[in-house]
Amino acid sequence: MHIFDMKGQQLGAATLDPVVFDGKINHALMHQAVVAYLSNQRHGLAATKTRADVRGGGRKPWRQKGTGRARAGSSRSPLWRKGGTMFGPQPHSFYKDLPRRMKALALKSALNSKVQDNEMIVLDALSVGSYKTKELFGVIKNLKLETTKLKFVVDALDDKLKLSCRNLAKATIETAKNLTTYETLDCKKLVLTKNALKEVEERVKKWLK
């Protein structure tokens, strides 16, 4: 795999760790990791009011016997208009946990799929001198990725780099330590700096032990 600079010039070849980039892809595990990631983004705050939560209804609407009507103990019964809701959603967690080794294998599979599909690029370094978006967009133009959905992965993220990427519609940025299977797959081109690639490799190997 070739290494490029921010001007789009080829500098040399990048050496990929054979432990991580062994060409093996586990699609089922990647799917499981993506489902868990998306599930963990949910807040689970949807809620409806039961008969206990609806205000009012403390007085018995009419006496128990002698009226000819059905028995009623509260005007906030779910059977009544303006009453509570039965079996409605209540706040709860959607959190799904995966063992660390499974996460590592899923990320490893995602990285291998990017290499096999020729969707991974290695940069020598990535930095900008100002907060302006056009400087980072210039790097994207040099790499000829203006119309491509891409994700930059860096070893350290400073404010200038973070803010300059904020207004780019098709580009996002993430640190190597926070890169997930979902984020790896959710782009057409994965652009890693040389240091970020090493950090991701070390992270995967550490989790596979």
Protein backbone atom coordinates (compact mmCIF):
# COMPACT_ATOMS: atom_id res chain seq x y z
CA MET A 1 0.00 0.00 0.00
CA HIS A 2 1.32 3.44 -0.98
CA ILE A 3 1.88 6.41 1.33
CA PHE A 4 0.84 9.87 0.14
CA ASP A 5 1.56 13.36 1.43
CA MET A 6 -1.00 16.14 1.79
CA LYS A 7 -0.20 17.30 -1.75
CA GLY A 8 -1.28 13.95 -3.14
CA GLN A 9 2.25 12.92 -4.04
CA GLN A 10 3.28 9.30 -3.56
CA LEU A 11 6.13 8.97 -1.06
CA GLY A 12 6.66 5.24 -0.81
CA ALA A 13 5.08 2.06 0.41
CA ALA A 14 3.38 1.45 3.73
CA THR A 15 4.04 -1.81 5.54
CA LEU A 16 0.89 -3.41 6.89
CA ASP A 17 1.10 -5.64 9.94
CA PRO A 18 0.42 -9.24 8.78
CA VAL A 19 -1.22 -10.09 12.11
CA VAL A 20 -3.95 -7.51 11.49
CA PHE A 21 -4.07 -7.46 7.70
CA ASP A 22 -4.24 -11.19 7.01
CA GLY A 23 -7.07 -10.97 4.48
CA LYS A 24 -9.63 -12.73 6.70
CA ILE A 25 -13.12 -11.17 6.84
CA ASN A 26 -15.89 -12.28 9.20
CA HIS A 27 -19.07 -10.70 7.84
CA ALA A 28 -21.32 -12.05 10.58
CA LEU A 29 -19.10 -10.58 13.29
CA MET A 30 -18.96 -7.22 11.53
CA HIS A 31 -22.76 -7.19 11.36
CA GLN A 32 -22.97 -7.99 15.07
CA ALA A 33 -20.56 -5.17 15.93
CA VAL A 34 -22.46 -2.65 13.77
CA VAL A 35 -25.82 -3.63 15.31
CA ALA A 36 -24.36 -3.26 18.81
CA TYR A 37 -22.85 0.14 17.95
CA LEU A 38 -26.10 1.53 16.52
CA SER A 39 -28.10 0.12 19.40
CA ASN A 40 -25.79 1.83 21.88
CA GLN A 41 -26.45 5.20 20.23
CA ARG A 42 -30.12 5.01 21.23
CA HIS A 43 -31.18 6.90 24.34
CA GLY A 44 -34.36 4.93 24.97
CA LEU A 45 -36.27 7.95 26.31
CA ALA A 46 -39.67 7.28 24.68
CA ALA A 47 -42.35 7.17 27.37
CA THR A 48 -46.12 7.13 27.75
CA LYS A 49 -48.19 7.82 30.87
CA THR A 50 -49.84 4.93 32.63
CA ARG A 51 -53.03 5.41 34.68
CA ALA A 52 -50.81 6.14 37.68
CA ASP A 53 -49.06 9.00 35.85
CA VAL A 54 -52.12 10.80 34.42
CA ARG A 55 -53.26 13.66 36.62
CA GLY A 56 -56.73 13.34 38.20
CA GLY A 57 -58.97 10.33 38.54
CA GLY A 58 -58.74 10.11 42.30
CA ARG A 59 -62.48 10.22 42.89
CA LYS A 60 -64.68 7.30 42.00
CA PRO A 61 -66.84 8.49 39.05
CA TRP A 62 -70.05 6.99 40.44
CA ARG A 63 -71.12 4.59 43.15
CA GLN A 64 -70.35 0.94 42.76
CA LYS A 65 -73.93 -0.36 42.51
CA GLY A 66 -77.37 0.79 41.52
CA THR A 67 -76.65 3.00 38.52
CA GLY A 68 -76.95 0.35 35.82
CA ARG A 69 -73.55 1.26 34.49
CA ALA A 70 -70.34 -0.75 34.55
CA ARG A 71 -68.17 -0.50 37.63
CA ALA A 72 -65.59 2.32 37.45
CA GLY A 73 -62.98 3.27 40.01
CA SER A 74 -61.14 6.02 38.15
CA SER A 75 -61.69 8.31 35.19
CA ARG A 76 -58.06 7.73 34.19
CA SER A 77 -58.57 4.08 33.33
CA PRO A 78 -56.96 3.09 30.00
CA LEU A 79 -60.47 2.30 28.78
CA TRP A 80 -61.55 5.89 29.19
CA ARG A 81 -60.90 8.95 27.07
CA LYS A 82 -58.00 10.95 28.56
CA GLY A 83 -57.02 7.86 30.50
CA GLY A 84 -53.62 6.26 30.81
CA THR A 85 -51.89 4.06 28.22
CA MET A 86 -51.49 0.32 28.53
CA PHE A 87 -48.22 -1.35 27.54
CA GLY A 88 -46.74 1.84 26.09
CA PRO A 89 -42.98 2.42 25.78
CA GLN A 90 -41.05 3.25 28.94
CA PRO A 91 -37.49 4.58 29.28
CA HIS A 92 -34.97 1.75 29.13
CA SER A 93 -31.48 0.99 27.92
CA PHE A 94 -30.76 -0.51 24.50
CA TYR A 95 -27.13 -1.17 25.44
CA LYS A 96 -25.53 -4.22 23.87
CA ASP A 97 -22.11 -5.35 25.03
CA LEU A 98 -19.56 -7.27 22.99
CA PRO A 99 -16.43 -8.94 24.36
CA ARG A 100 -13.29 -6.98 23.58
CA ARG A 101 -11.88 -9.78 21.45
CA MET A 102 -15.01 -9.84 19.30
CA LYS A 103 -14.75 -6.07 18.82
CA ALA A 104 -11.13 -6.47 17.77
CA LEU A 105 -11.92 -9.24 15.29
CA ALA A 106 -14.78 -7.18 13.84
CA LEU A 107 -12.55 -4.11 13.42
CA LYS A 108 -9.83 -6.31 11.92
CA SER A 109 -12.34 -7.69 9.41
CA ALA A 110 -13.51 -4.17 8.53
CA LEU A 111 -9.94 -3.01 7.91
CA ASN A 112 -9.22 -6.04 5.73
CA SER A 113 -12.37 -5.39 3.71
CA LYS A 114 -11.22 -1.83 3.08
CA VAL A 115 -7.84 -3.04 1.83
CA GLN A 116 -9.39 -5.68 -0.41
CA ASP A 117 -11.81 -3.15 -1.90
CA ASN A 118 -9.02 -0.61 -2.38
CA GLU A 119 -10.81 1.83 -0.09
CA MET A 120 -7.98 2.64 2.31
CA ILE A 121 -5.37 5.41 1.91
CA VAL A 122 -2.34 6.08 4.11
CA LEU A 123 -1.12 9.66 4.60
CA ASP A 124 2.33 10.56 5.83
CA ALA A 125 0.76 13.19 8.14
CA LEU A 126 -2.30 15.42 8.40
CA SER A 127 -2.27 18.92 9.85
CA VAL A 128 -3.70 22.35 9.09
CA GLY A 129 -2.46 25.79 10.03
CA SER A 130 -5.84 27.45 10.53
CA TYR A 131 -9.47 26.76 11.38
CA LYS A 132 -10.56 27.35 7.78
CA THR A 133 -12.32 24.52 6.00
CA LYS A 134 -10.74 25.31 2.65
CA GLU A 135 -7.30 24.23 3.86
CA LEU A 136 -8.44 20.72 4.68
CA PHE A 137 -10.59 20.65 1.57
CA GLY A 138 -7.42 21.41 -0.39
CA VAL A 139 -5.92 18.18 0.95
CA ILE A 140 -9.04 16.30 -0.15
CA LYS A 141 -8.77 17.84 -3.63
CA ASN A 142 -5.12 16.81 -3.84
CA LEU A 143 -6.15 13.24 -3.08
CA LYS A 144 -8.95 13.55 -5.71
CA LEU A 145 -11.66 12.63 -3.22
CA GLU A 146 -13.89 15.73 -3.47
CA THR A 147 -17.06 13.74 -4.19
CA THR A 148 -16.24 10.74 -2.00
CA LYS A 149 -17.56 10.05 1.48
CA LEU A 150 -14.41 9.68 3.55
CA LYS A 151 -13.17 9.43 7.10
CA PHE A 152 -9.85 10.77 8.32
CA VAL A 153 -8.21 8.81 11.13
CA VAL A 154 -5.44 10.56 13.07
CA ASP A 155 -3.38 9.68 16.13
CA ALA A 156 -4.08 13.04 17.80
CA LEU A 157 -6.90 15.47 17.08
CA ASP A 158 -6.34 19.19 17.72
CA ASP A 159 -8.94 21.96 17.60
CA LYS A 160 -7.83 23.30 14.22
CA LEU A 161 -8.18 19.94 12.55
CA LYS A 162 -11.48 19.21 14.28
CA LEU A 163 -13.10 22.55 13.42
CA SER A 164 -11.78 22.70 9.85
CA CYS A 165 -13.48 19.35 9.14
CA ARG A 166 -16.79 20.35 10.71
CA ASN A 167 -18.27 22.04 7.62
CA LEU A 168 -17.29 19.32 5.15
CA ALA A 169 -20.41 17.46 4.05
CA LYS A 170 -18.68 14.25 2.97
CA ALA A 171 -15.75 14.12 5.41
CA THR A 172 -15.49 13.28 9.11
CA ILE A 173 -12.52 12.81 11.39
CA GLU A 174 -11.79 10.39 14.22
CA THR A 175 -8.88 9.38 16.42
CA ALA A 176 -7.27 5.96 16.12
CA LYS A 177 -8.13 5.01 19.69
CA ASN A 178 -11.87 5.61 19.04
CA LEU A 179 -12.15 4.03 15.60
CA THR A 180 -14.98 1.48 15.50
CA THR A 181 -16.13 -1.16 13.02
CA TYR A 182 -19.16 0.95 12.09
CA GLU A 183 -17.09 4.07 11.39
CA THR A 184 -14.60 2.04 9.36
CA LEU A 185 -17.35 0.69 7.13
CA ASP A 186 -19.43 3.89 6.98
CA CYS A 187 -17.25 5.60 4.38
CA LYS A 188 -16.12 5.02 0.85
CA LYS A 189 -12.51 5.91 1.61
CA LEU A 190 -10.71 5.42 4.92
CA VAL A 191 -7.78 7.85 5.13
CA LEU A 192 -5.36 7.04 7.96
CA THR A 193 -2.17 8.84 8.88
CA LYS A 194 0.92 6.67 9.21
CA ASN A 195 0.95 7.05 13.00
CA ALA A 196 -2.78 6.36 13.25
CA LEU A 197 -2.38 3.15 11.27
CA LYS A 198 0.28 1.92 13.67
CA GLU A 199 -1.89 2.82 16.67
CA VAL A 200 -4.90 0.96 15.23
CA GLU A 201 -2.74 -2.09 14.52
CA GLU A 202 -1.34 -2.10 18.04
CA ARG A 203 -4.82 -1.68 19.51
CA VAL A 204 -6.20 -4.62 17.55
CA LYS A 205 -3.24 -6.86 18.42
CA LYS A 206 -3.52 -5.97 22.10
CA TRP A 207 -7.22 -6.89 22.15
CA LEU A 208 -6.56 -10.18 20.34
CA LYS A 209 -4.19 -11.43 23.01
